[in-house]
Amino acid sequence: MLPNFGCDLRQYLFQPLDEDLFLNIQEEITTSFYNYIKGVKIIKLGIFPFEINSGYYANALKIVLSLAFDNSELKVTEVEVDIIWILQEI
């Protein structure tokens, strides 16, 4: 019942992979994270381009997020996500 929950990363689809894009995605993730998740702090958030060797022309991003939980025995947890937009077969 939260229509705005999460990140709208689709708005960045087909954008050039440059520093401005990475900063915009980082801001989108950080804002959404702190709006909906309590008791967790972002330690590190990195967004990087990466290449895939699959026979397809694609844009690909790697998002690395390190979190620290308040009042928990867990120290730091790292989450890594690969986002791949396949544009066409080569």
N, C-alpha and C. Protein backbone atom coordinates (compact mmCIF):
# COMPACT_ATOMS: atom_id res chain seq x y z
N MET A 1 0.81 -1.19 0.00
CA MET A 1 0.00 0.00 0.00
C MET A 1 0.86 1.27 0.00
N LEU A 2 2.10 1.16 -0.48
CA LEU A 2 2.98 2.31 -0.59
C LEU A 2 3.35 2.50 -2.06
N PRO A 3 2.59 3.29 -2.80
CA PRO A 3 2.83 3.40 -4.25
C PRO A 3 4.19 3.99 -4.62
N ASN A 4 4.81 4.73 -3.73
CA ASN A 4 6.11 5.34 -4.03
C ASN A 4 7.28 4.56 -3.45
N PHE A 5 7.01 3.35 -2.93
CA PHE A 5 8.05 2.55 -2.29
C PHE A 5 9.12 2.14 -3.31
N GLY A 6 10.36 2.21 -2.90
CA GLY A 6 11.47 1.76 -3.74
C GLY A 6 12.07 2.88 -4.57
N CYS A 7 12.90 2.48 -5.51
CA CYS A 7 13.61 3.41 -6.38
C CYS A 7 13.08 3.29 -7.80
N ASP A 8 12.88 4.40 -8.44
CA ASP A 8 12.43 4.36 -9.83
C ASP A 8 13.66 4.46 -10.74
N LEU A 9 14.39 3.37 -10.84
CA LEU A 9 15.60 3.37 -11.67
C LEU A 9 15.29 3.29 -13.16
N ARG A 10 14.04 2.98 -13.50
CA ARG A 10 13.67 2.92 -14.93
C ARG A 10 13.85 4.27 -15.62
N GLN A 11 13.75 5.35 -14.87
CA GLN A 11 13.90 6.68 -15.46
C GLN A 11 15.31 6.90 -16.03
N TYR A 12 16.27 6.08 -15.59
CA TYR A 12 17.65 6.22 -16.04
C TYR A 12 18.00 5.27 -17.18
N LEU A 13 17.03 4.48 -17.60
CA LEU A 13 17.23 3.53 -18.68
C LEU A 13 17.62 4.26 -19.96
N PHE A 14 18.63 3.77 -20.64
CA PHE A 14 19.15 4.30 -21.90
C PHE A 14 19.87 5.64 -21.76
N GLN A 15 20.19 6.03 -20.54
CA GLN A 15 20.99 7.24 -20.33
C GLN A 15 22.46 6.88 -20.50
N PRO A 16 23.29 7.84 -20.92
CA PRO A 16 24.72 7.56 -21.04
C PRO A 16 25.33 7.25 -19.67
N LEU A 17 26.22 6.28 -19.64
CA LEU A 17 26.86 5.89 -18.38
C LEU A 17 27.98 6.88 -18.08
N ASP A 18 27.62 7.97 -17.40
CA ASP A 18 28.60 8.98 -17.04
C ASP A 18 28.45 9.33 -15.56
N GLU A 19 29.31 10.20 -15.10
CA GLU A 19 29.36 10.54 -13.67
C GLU A 19 28.05 11.16 -13.19
N ASP A 20 27.41 11.98 -14.02
CA ASP A 20 26.13 12.59 -13.63
C ASP A 20 25.06 11.53 -13.39
N LEU A 21 25.02 10.52 -14.25
CA LEU A 21 24.06 9.44 -14.07
C LEU A 21 24.31 8.71 -12.76
N PHE A 22 25.57 8.40 -12.47
CA PHE A 22 25.90 7.68 -11.24
C PHE A 22 25.51 8.49 -10.01
N LEU A 23 25.73 9.80 -10.04
CA LEU A 23 25.35 10.66 -8.92
C LEU A 23 23.84 10.72 -8.75
N ASN A 24 23.10 10.79 -9.86
CA ASN A 24 21.64 10.82 -9.79
C ASN A 24 21.08 9.52 -9.23
N ILE A 25 21.63 8.39 -9.66
CA ILE A 25 21.19 7.09 -9.15
C ILE A 25 21.53 6.97 -7.67
N GLN A 26 22.71 7.42 -7.29
CA GLN A 26 23.11 7.38 -5.88
C GLN A 26 22.15 8.20 -5.02
N GLU A 27 21.77 9.38 -5.49
CA GLU A 27 20.84 10.22 -4.74
C GLU A 27 19.46 9.56 -4.66
N GLU A 28 19.01 8.96 -5.75
CA GLU A 28 17.72 8.26 -5.77
C GLU A 28 17.69 7.12 -4.75
N ILE A 29 18.75 6.32 -4.73
CA ILE A 29 18.82 5.19 -3.81
C ILE A 29 18.89 5.68 -2.36
N THR A 30 19.72 6.67 -2.09
CA THR A 30 19.88 7.19 -0.72
C THR A 30 18.57 7.78 -0.20
N THR A 31 17.91 8.58 -1.02
CA THR A 31 16.65 9.20 -0.61
C THR A 31 15.59 8.14 -0.32
N SER A 32 15.43 7.20 -1.22
CA SER A 32 14.43 6.14 -1.04
C SER A 32 14.76 5.29 0.18
N PHE A 33 16.03 4.98 0.35
CA PHE A 33 16.46 4.15 1.48
C PHE A 33 16.06 4.78 2.80
N TYR A 34 16.41 6.05 3.00
CA TYR A 34 16.14 6.70 4.28
C TYR A 34 14.66 7.04 4.46
N ASN A 35 13.89 7.12 3.38
CA ASN A 35 12.45 7.34 3.50
C ASN A 35 11.73 6.11 4.04
N TYR A 36 12.22 4.92 3.73
CA TYR A 36 11.49 3.70 4.04
C TYR A 36 12.16 2.75 5.01
N ILE A 37 13.45 2.89 5.24
CA ILE A 37 14.16 1.93 6.09
C ILE A 37 14.72 2.67 7.30
N LYS A 38 14.33 2.20 8.46
CA LYS A 38 14.78 2.80 9.72
C LYS A 38 15.70 1.82 10.45
N GLY A 39 16.62 2.33 11.23
CA GLY A 39 17.50 1.49 12.02
C GLY A 39 18.69 0.95 11.26
N VAL A 40 18.93 1.48 10.09
CA VAL A 40 20.06 1.05 9.26
C VAL A 40 20.72 2.30 8.69
N LYS A 41 22.05 2.28 8.64
CA LYS A 41 22.82 3.41 8.13
C LYS A 41 23.63 2.95 6.92
N ILE A 42 23.65 3.77 5.87
CA ILE A 42 24.47 3.47 4.69
C ILE A 42 25.92 3.82 5.01
N ILE A 43 26.80 2.84 4.90
CA ILE A 43 28.23 3.05 5.12
C ILE A 43 28.92 3.41 3.81
N LYS A 44 28.55 2.70 2.75
CA LYS A 44 29.17 2.94 1.44
C LYS A 44 28.14 2.64 0.36
N LEU A 45 28.09 3.49 -0.66
CA LEU A 45 27.23 3.27 -1.81
C LEU A 45 28.05 3.61 -3.04
N GLY A 46 28.34 2.61 -3.84
CA GLY A 46 29.12 2.81 -5.05
C GLY A 46 28.36 2.33 -6.27
N ILE A 47 28.46 3.09 -7.35
CA ILE A 47 27.81 2.73 -8.61
C ILE A 47 28.88 2.78 -9.69
N PHE A 48 29.02 1.66 -10.40
CA PHE A 48 30.10 1.51 -11.37
C PHE A 48 29.58 0.89 -12.66
N PRO A 49 30.12 1.30 -13.80
CA PRO A 49 29.80 0.58 -15.04
C PRO A 49 30.62 -0.71 -15.09
N PHE A 50 30.12 -1.72 -15.77
CA PHE A 50 30.94 -2.90 -16.01
C PHE A 50 30.56 -3.51 -17.35
N GLU A 51 31.48 -4.25 -17.90
CA GLU A 51 31.27 -4.86 -19.21
C GLU A 51 30.82 -6.30 -19.05
N ILE A 52 29.96 -6.70 -19.97
CA ILE A 52 29.57 -8.10 -20.02
C ILE A 52 29.99 -8.65 -21.37
N ASN A 53 30.41 -9.87 -21.41
CA ASN A 53 30.84 -10.52 -22.64
C ASN A 53 29.83 -11.61 -22.98
N SER A 54 28.71 -11.20 -23.56
CA SER A 54 27.64 -12.16 -23.78
C SER A 54 27.17 -12.23 -25.23
N GLY A 55 27.75 -11.44 -26.13
CA GLY A 55 27.25 -11.41 -27.49
C GLY A 55 26.10 -10.44 -27.67
N TYR A 56 25.81 -9.64 -26.64
CA TYR A 56 24.76 -8.65 -26.71
C TYR A 56 25.35 -7.27 -26.45
N TYR A 57 24.76 -6.26 -27.08
CA TYR A 57 25.13 -4.89 -26.78
C TYR A 57 24.31 -4.49 -25.56
N ALA A 58 24.96 -4.10 -24.49
CA ALA A 58 24.23 -3.83 -23.25
C ALA A 58 24.90 -2.74 -22.45
N ASN A 59 24.10 -2.04 -21.68
CA ASN A 59 24.59 -1.16 -20.63
C ASN A 59 24.49 -1.92 -19.34
N ALA A 60 25.49 -1.83 -18.51
CA ALA A 60 25.47 -2.58 -17.26
C ALA A 60 26.04 -1.73 -16.13
N LEU A 61 25.40 -1.83 -14.98
CA LEU A 61 25.84 -1.12 -13.78
C LEU A 61 26.00 -2.11 -12.64
N LYS A 62 26.93 -1.83 -11.79
CA LYS A 62 27.09 -2.59 -10.55
C LYS A 62 26.85 -1.60 -9.42
N ILE A 63 25.96 -1.98 -8.51
CA ILE A 63 25.66 -1.16 -7.34
C ILE A 63 26.10 -1.94 -6.11
N VAL A 64 26.97 -1.31 -5.31
CA VAL A 64 27.47 -1.92 -4.08
C VAL A 64 27.02 -1.05 -2.92
N LEU A 65 26.33 -1.68 -1.97
CA LEU A 65 25.76 -0.97 -0.84
C LEU A 65 26.21 -1.67 0.45
N SER A 66 26.91 -0.94 1.32
CA SER A 66 27.32 -1.47 2.62
C SER A 66 26.46 -0.81 3.69
N LEU A 67 25.90 -1.63 4.57
CA LEU A 67 24.98 -1.16 5.59
C LEU A 67 25.46 -1.51 6.98
N ALA A 68 25.15 -0.66 7.95
CA ALA A 68 25.38 -0.96 9.36
C ALA A 68 24.03 -0.89 10.05
N PHE A 69 23.73 -1.90 10.87
CA PHE A 69 22.46 -1.98 11.56
C PHE A 69 22.59 -1.41 12.97
N ASP A 70 21.63 -0.57 13.36
CA ASP A 70 21.58 -0.05 14.72
C ASP A 70 21.10 -1.15 15.66
N ASN A 71 21.65 -1.20 16.84
CA ASN A 71 21.18 -2.12 17.88
C ASN A 71 21.10 -3.56 17.39
N SER A 72 22.13 -4.01 16.74
CA SER A 72 22.12 -5.38 16.23
C SER A 72 23.50 -6.00 16.42
N GLU A 73 23.53 -7.31 16.48
CA GLU A 73 24.80 -8.01 16.57
C GLU A 73 25.51 -8.03 15.22
N LEU A 74 24.76 -7.79 14.17
CA LEU A 74 25.37 -7.74 12.84
C LEU A 74 26.16 -6.45 12.71
N LYS A 75 27.37 -6.54 12.28
CA LYS A 75 28.22 -5.35 12.16
C LYS A 75 27.92 -4.60 10.86
N VAL A 76 28.45 -5.08 9.76
CA VAL A 76 28.25 -4.44 8.45
C VAL A 76 27.87 -5.51 7.46
N THR A 77 26.88 -5.22 6.65
CA THR A 77 26.44 -6.13 5.61
C THR A 77 26.60 -5.44 4.27
N GLU A 78 27.09 -6.17 3.30
CA GLU A 78 27.27 -5.60 1.96
C GLU A 78 26.33 -6.29 0.99
N VAL A 79 25.65 -5.48 0.19
CA VAL A 79 24.73 -5.96 -0.82
C VAL A 79 25.28 -5.51 -2.16
N GLU A 80 25.31 -6.43 -3.14
CA GLU A 80 25.81 -6.09 -4.47
C GLU A 80 24.75 -6.47 -5.48
N VAL A 81 24.43 -5.53 -6.39
CA VAL A 81 23.41 -5.74 -7.41
C VAL A 81 24.02 -5.41 -8.77
N ASP A 82 23.80 -6.29 -9.74
CA ASP A 82 24.19 -6.03 -11.12
C ASP A 82 22.92 -5.72 -11.91
N ILE A 83 22.89 -4.58 -12.56
CA ILE A 83 21.76 -4.19 -13.40
C ILE A 83 22.24 -4.17 -14.84
N ILE A 84 21.58 -4.93 -15.69
CA ILE A 84 22.00 -5.05 -17.09
C ILE A 84 20.81 -4.71 -17.98
N TRP A 85 21.00 -3.73 -18.86
CA TRP A 85 20.01 -3.40 -19.86
C TRP A 85 20.50 -3.93 -21.19
N ILE A 86 19.88 -4.99 -21.69
CA ILE A 86 20.30 -5.55 -22.99
C ILE A 86 19.56 -4.79 -24.08
N LEU A 87 20.33 -4.19 -24.95
CA LEU A 87 19.76 -3.35 -25.99
C LEU A 87 19.49 -4.12 -27.28
N GLN A 88 20.44 -4.96 -27.69
CA GLN A 88 20.27 -5.75 -28.91
C GLN A 88 21.35 -6.81 -29.01
N GLU A 89 21.07 -7.82 -29.80
CA GLU A 89 22.08 -8.85 -30.04
C GLU A 89 23.07 -8.35 -31.06
N ILE A 90 24.35 -8.64 -30.85
CA ILE A 90 25.41 -8.19 -31.77
C ILE A 90 25.44 -9.10 -32.97
